[in-house]
Amino acid sequence: MQPTEAQLLERRIWRHFSKGLTQYHLLDDGDHILLGLSGGKDSLALLDFMSRRARIHRPKLTLTALHVRMANIDYESDTAYLEDFAAARGVRLIVRETSFDLSTDTRKSPCFLCSWNRRKMLFTVAQELGCHKIALGHHQDDILHTLLLNLSFQGQFGTMPARLQMRKFPMTIIRPLCMVHERDLAAWAALQGYRKQKKLCPYETDSHRSDIKQIFGQLEQLNPEARYSLWNALEQEGKLVE
């Protein structure tokens, strides 16, 4: 019997997910990992596939998820849904709230300040729990978009690495979906019926990232192998593990 499209999709995501974990040595036996759970499709998929991986006995993993609510951003996340989603996969969910004040640093965009404060809360909770790794839901497209942003606006060849060892304290950032394509995650989210946030962030299209995403799509139309060429360049320059 031929596998269905849904089965092929699941196998493809699992294959890319597992390859990323192995190739960039993201997991170690005994890890307690804090998962960033924003509520978007990528973080839901991260929790979904990491919880599956945790059910495999080696390496032995402990997972905790953190959802950070931003008090002064006008969007609403469905916390009850996230709690049920995590519980169904055997993962404890912690919910924390934080905020930022645009008037304190007018040089930075709301997106930067929101991201910085969320990341700060992730580090705080990870240290409270004794976690030495934080897993984020960035996929391959996110990593390549960041490369193009850095080249275009900063004049730097760099991106979000698959594994980043922090220099100032013992914490490692990992991106287990680093080799998974966004289009596959979008199809998986639709197939699984992942629930979207009740109201999307008002700033989510107010950045260069959405423009770069369109440009990246045009690059793939010109050359379907463009993503692999960019990825290979990152690997050759040692930018995926820092």
Protein backbone atom coordinates (compact mmCIF):
# COMPACT_ATOMS: atom_id res chain seq x y z
CA MET A 1 0.00 0.00 0.00
CA GLN A 2 1.33 3.40 -0.98
CA PRO A 3 1.81 5.90 1.89
CA THR A 4 -0.62 8.81 1.99
CA GLU A 5 0.44 12.42 1.47
CA ALA A 6 0.00 12.97 5.22
CA GLN A 7 2.30 10.04 6.01
CA LEU A 8 4.92 11.27 3.55
CA LEU A 9 4.76 14.74 5.10
CA GLU A 10 5.20 13.37 8.61
CA ARG A 11 8.13 11.20 7.54
CA ARG A 12 9.79 14.12 5.78
CA ILE A 13 9.49 16.42 8.80
CA TRP A 14 10.74 13.69 11.16
CA ARG A 15 13.67 12.93 8.86
CA HIS A 16 14.75 16.60 8.68
CA PHE A 17 14.11 17.06 12.39
CA SER A 18 16.19 14.02 13.32
CA LYS A 19 18.98 14.97 10.93
CA GLY A 20 19.23 18.43 12.51
CA LEU A 21 19.41 16.95 16.01
CA THR A 22 22.20 14.58 14.98
CA GLN A 23 24.20 16.73 12.58
CA TYR A 24 24.50 19.67 14.96
CA HIS A 25 24.63 17.57 18.16
CA LEU A 26 21.69 19.34 19.80
CA LEU A 27 20.86 16.75 22.47
CA ASP A 28 22.81 15.12 25.27
CA ASP A 29 21.74 12.41 27.68
CA GLY A 30 20.13 13.89 30.79
CA ASP A 31 19.23 17.24 29.20
CA HIS A 32 16.49 19.32 30.84
CA ILE A 33 15.36 21.56 27.99
CA LEU A 34 13.14 24.63 28.20
CA LEU A 35 10.97 24.96 25.08
CA GLY A 36 9.83 28.41 24.02
CA LEU A 37 6.10 28.08 23.25
CA SER A 38 4.74 31.23 21.63
CA GLY A 39 1.60 29.53 20.33
CA GLY A 40 2.46 29.85 16.65
CA LYS A 41 2.64 26.83 14.35
CA ASP A 42 6.43 26.53 14.64
CA SER A 43 6.58 26.41 18.43
CA LEU A 44 3.63 24.00 18.55
CA ALA A 45 5.43 21.73 16.09
CA LEU A 46 8.61 22.05 18.16
CA LEU A 47 6.78 20.82 21.27
CA ASP A 48 5.02 18.12 19.25
CA PHE A 49 8.17 16.59 17.77
CA MET A 50 10.40 17.14 20.80
CA SER A 51 7.87 15.34 22.99
CA ARG A 52 7.98 12.42 20.56
CA ARG A 53 11.77 12.42 20.71
CA ALA A 54 11.66 12.48 24.52
CA ARG A 55 9.69 9.23 24.49
CA ILE A 56 12.71 7.51 22.93
CA HIS A 57 14.88 6.32 25.82
CA ARG A 58 18.24 7.59 24.55
CA PRO A 59 19.21 10.28 25.04
CA LYS A 60 17.09 10.74 28.15
CA LEU A 61 15.36 14.15 28.03
CA THR A 62 13.23 16.24 30.39
CA LEU A 63 11.10 18.91 28.71
CA THR A 64 9.41 21.98 30.15
CA ALA A 65 7.60 24.57 28.03
CA LEU A 66 7.38 28.31 28.70
CA HIS A 67 4.79 30.69 27.28
CA VAL A 68 5.59 34.38 27.76
CA ARG A 69 2.68 36.83 27.62
CA MET A 70 3.59 40.39 26.65
CA ALA A 71 1.29 42.64 28.68
CA ASN A 72 1.54 45.73 26.49
CA ILE A 73 1.16 44.11 23.05
CA ASP A 74 -2.41 43.96 21.78
CA TYR A 75 -2.77 40.28 21.03
CA GLU A 76 -4.31 37.42 22.94
CA SER A 77 -2.91 33.92 23.18
CA ASP A 78 -5.19 31.04 24.11
CA THR A 79 -3.42 29.90 27.27
CA ALA A 80 -5.96 27.15 28.01
CA TYR A 81 -5.36 25.66 24.56
CA LEU A 82 -1.59 25.76 25.06
CA GLU A 83 -1.90 24.10 28.47
CA ASP A 84 -4.05 21.31 27.01
CA PHE A 85 -1.69 20.93 24.03
CA ALA A 86 1.35 20.55 26.29
CA ALA A 87 -0.40 18.29 28.81
CA ALA A 88 -1.56 15.93 26.05
CA ARG A 89 2.11 15.46 25.15
CA GLY A 90 3.29 15.00 28.71
CA VAL A 91 5.02 18.38 28.95
CA ARG A 92 4.63 20.83 31.82
CA LEU A 93 3.76 24.39 30.73
CA ILE A 94 4.80 27.50 32.66
CA VAL A 95 3.16 30.85 31.82
CA ARG A 96 4.88 34.13 32.68
CA GLU A 97 4.05 37.74 31.84
CA THR A 98 6.39 40.60 31.04
CA SER A 99 6.28 43.96 29.25
CA PHE A 100 8.43 46.72 27.78
CA ASP A 101 8.26 50.48 27.40
CA LEU A 102 8.87 51.92 23.92
CA SER A 103 9.72 55.28 25.45
CA THR A 104 12.81 53.85 27.17
CA ASP A 105 14.60 53.11 23.90
CA THR A 106 13.15 54.77 20.82
CA ARG A 107 16.04 53.50 18.68
CA LYS A 108 14.70 49.95 18.84
CA SER A 109 11.60 48.60 17.07
CA PRO A 110 8.71 47.04 19.01
CA CYS A 111 9.67 43.68 17.49
CA PHE A 112 13.23 43.94 18.84
CA LEU A 113 12.11 44.97 22.32
CA CYS A 114 9.41 42.29 22.46
CA SER A 115 11.85 39.60 21.34
CA TRP A 116 14.57 40.79 23.73
CA ASN A 117 12.22 40.76 26.74
CA ARG A 118 10.82 37.34 25.85
CA ARG A 119 14.35 35.99 25.52
CA LYS A 120 15.28 37.52 28.87
CA MET A 121 12.35 35.72 30.50
CA LEU A 122 13.38 32.44 28.85
CA PHE A 123 16.86 32.74 30.36
CA THR A 124 15.44 33.64 33.77
CA VAL A 125 13.08 30.65 33.90
CA ALA A 126 15.71 28.27 32.47
CA GLN A 127 18.09 29.25 35.26
CA GLU A 128 15.34 28.86 37.88
CA LEU A 129 14.65 25.32 36.65
CA GLY A 130 18.29 24.34 36.27
CA CYS A 131 18.00 23.93 32.50
CA HIS A 132 21.18 24.29 30.47
CA LYS A 133 19.45 24.32 27.09
CA ILE A 134 16.69 26.44 25.57
CA ALA A 135 14.96 25.17 22.41
CA LEU A 136 13.42 27.64 19.98
CA GLY A 137 11.10 26.91 17.06
CA HIS A 138 13.05 28.56 14.23
CA HIS A 139 12.99 26.51 11.03
CA GLN A 140 15.34 26.47 8.04
CA ASP A 141 13.54 29.34 6.30
CA ASP A 142 13.92 31.55 9.41
CA ILE A 143 17.65 30.86 9.48
CA LEU A 144 18.09 31.64 5.78
CA HIS A 145 15.92 34.77 5.98
CA THR A 146 18.14 35.99 8.84
CA LEU A 147 21.23 35.38 6.69
CA LEU A 148 19.76 37.55 3.91
CA LEU A 149 18.75 40.24 6.41
CA ASN A 150 22.25 40.36 7.89
CA LEU A 151 23.87 40.52 4.46
CA SER A 152 21.51 43.21 3.21
CA PHE A 153 21.27 45.49 6.24
CA GLN A 154 24.34 44.75 8.39
CA GLY A 155 26.94 43.74 5.81
CA GLN A 156 27.64 40.59 7.82
CA PHE A 157 27.62 36.93 6.84
CA GLY A 158 25.87 35.33 9.77
CA THR A 159 22.58 33.98 11.05
CA MET A 160 20.83 32.26 13.96
CA PRO A 161 22.90 29.10 14.47
CA ALA A 162 21.41 25.67 15.02
CA ARG A 163 23.41 25.50 18.26
CA LEU A 164 24.73 28.51 20.14
CA GLN A 165 26.77 28.20 23.32
CA MET A 166 26.35 31.37 25.38
CA ARG A 167 29.67 32.86 26.44
CA LYS A 168 28.69 34.63 29.66
CA PHE A 169 26.90 31.74 31.40
CA PRO A 170 26.33 27.99 30.91
CA MET A 171 23.35 28.03 28.56
CA THR A 172 22.99 26.64 25.03
CA ILE A 173 20.37 27.77 22.51
CA ILE A 174 19.25 24.99 20.18
CA ARG A 175 16.96 25.06 17.15
CA PRO A 176 15.74 21.48 16.59
CA LEU A 177 13.65 22.46 13.52
CA CYS A 178 16.70 23.98 11.83
CA MET A 179 16.51 21.68 8.79
CA VAL A 180 12.71 21.58 8.46
CA HIS A 181 11.08 23.64 5.69
CA GLU A 182 8.44 26.17 6.66
CA ARG A 183 6.01 24.96 3.99
CA ASP A 184 6.09 21.48 5.56
CA LEU A 185 5.38 22.93 9.01
CA ALA A 186 2.48 24.96 7.62
CA ALA A 187 1.02 21.84 5.98
CA TRP A 188 1.51 19.84 9.19
CA ALA A 189 -0.15 22.54 11.30
CA ALA A 190 -3.17 22.53 8.98
CA LEU A 191 -3.33 18.74 8.99
CA GLN A 192 -3.15 18.57 12.80
CA GLY A 193 -5.57 21.44 13.30
CA TYR A 194 -3.21 23.61 15.35
CA ARG A 195 -5.23 26.52 16.68
CA LYS A 196 -4.02 30.01 15.81
CA GLN A 197 -3.73 32.89 18.27
CA LYS A 198 -6.99 34.74 18.79
CA LYS A 199 -5.45 38.01 17.61
CA LEU A 200 -2.17 38.28 15.74
CA CYS A 201 0.54 40.69 16.83
CA PRO A 202 -0.10 44.17 15.36
CA TYR A 203 3.61 44.56 14.55
CA GLU A 204 4.16 41.22 12.83
CA THR A 205 4.22 42.63 9.29
CA ASP A 206 5.94 45.88 10.32
CA SER A 207 9.50 44.74 9.61
CA HIS A 208 11.97 43.95 6.85
CA ARG A 209 11.63 40.22 7.59
CA SER A 210 8.34 39.93 5.70
CA ASP A 211 9.97 41.65 2.69
CA ILE A 212 12.98 39.30 2.83
CA LYS A 213 10.59 36.33 2.97
CA GLN A 214 9.10 37.44 -0.35
CA ILE A 215 12.57 37.93 -1.85
CA PHE A 216 13.60 34.46 -0.68
CA GLY A 217 10.53 33.03 -2.40
CA GLN A 218 11.60 34.74 -5.62
CA LEU A 219 15.10 33.28 -5.25
CA GLU A 220 13.62 29.79 -4.99
CA GLN A 221 11.57 30.44 -8.12
CA LEU A 222 14.75 31.41 -9.98
CA ASN A 223 16.68 28.47 -8.57
CA PRO A 224 14.90 25.69 -6.63
CA GLU A 225 18.29 24.74 -5.15
CA ALA A 226 18.91 28.23 -3.71
CA ARG A 227 18.14 27.24 -0.12
CA TYR A 228 20.67 24.41 -0.25
CA SER A 229 23.36 26.65 -1.73
CA LEU A 230 22.84 29.20 1.05
CA TRP A 231 22.77 26.46 3.71
CA ASN A 232 25.99 24.91 2.40
CA ALA A 233 27.67 28.32 2.50
CA LEU A 234 26.65 28.70 6.16
CA GLU A 235 28.04 25.26 6.95
CA GLN A 236 31.33 25.89 5.15
CA GLU A 237 31.84 29.13 7.10
CA GLY A 238 31.00 27.46 10.42
CA LYS A 239 27.96 29.67 11.07
CA LEU A 240 25.53 26.93 12.14
CA VAL A 241 27.35 25.96 15.34
CA GLU A 242 28.87 28.67 17.53
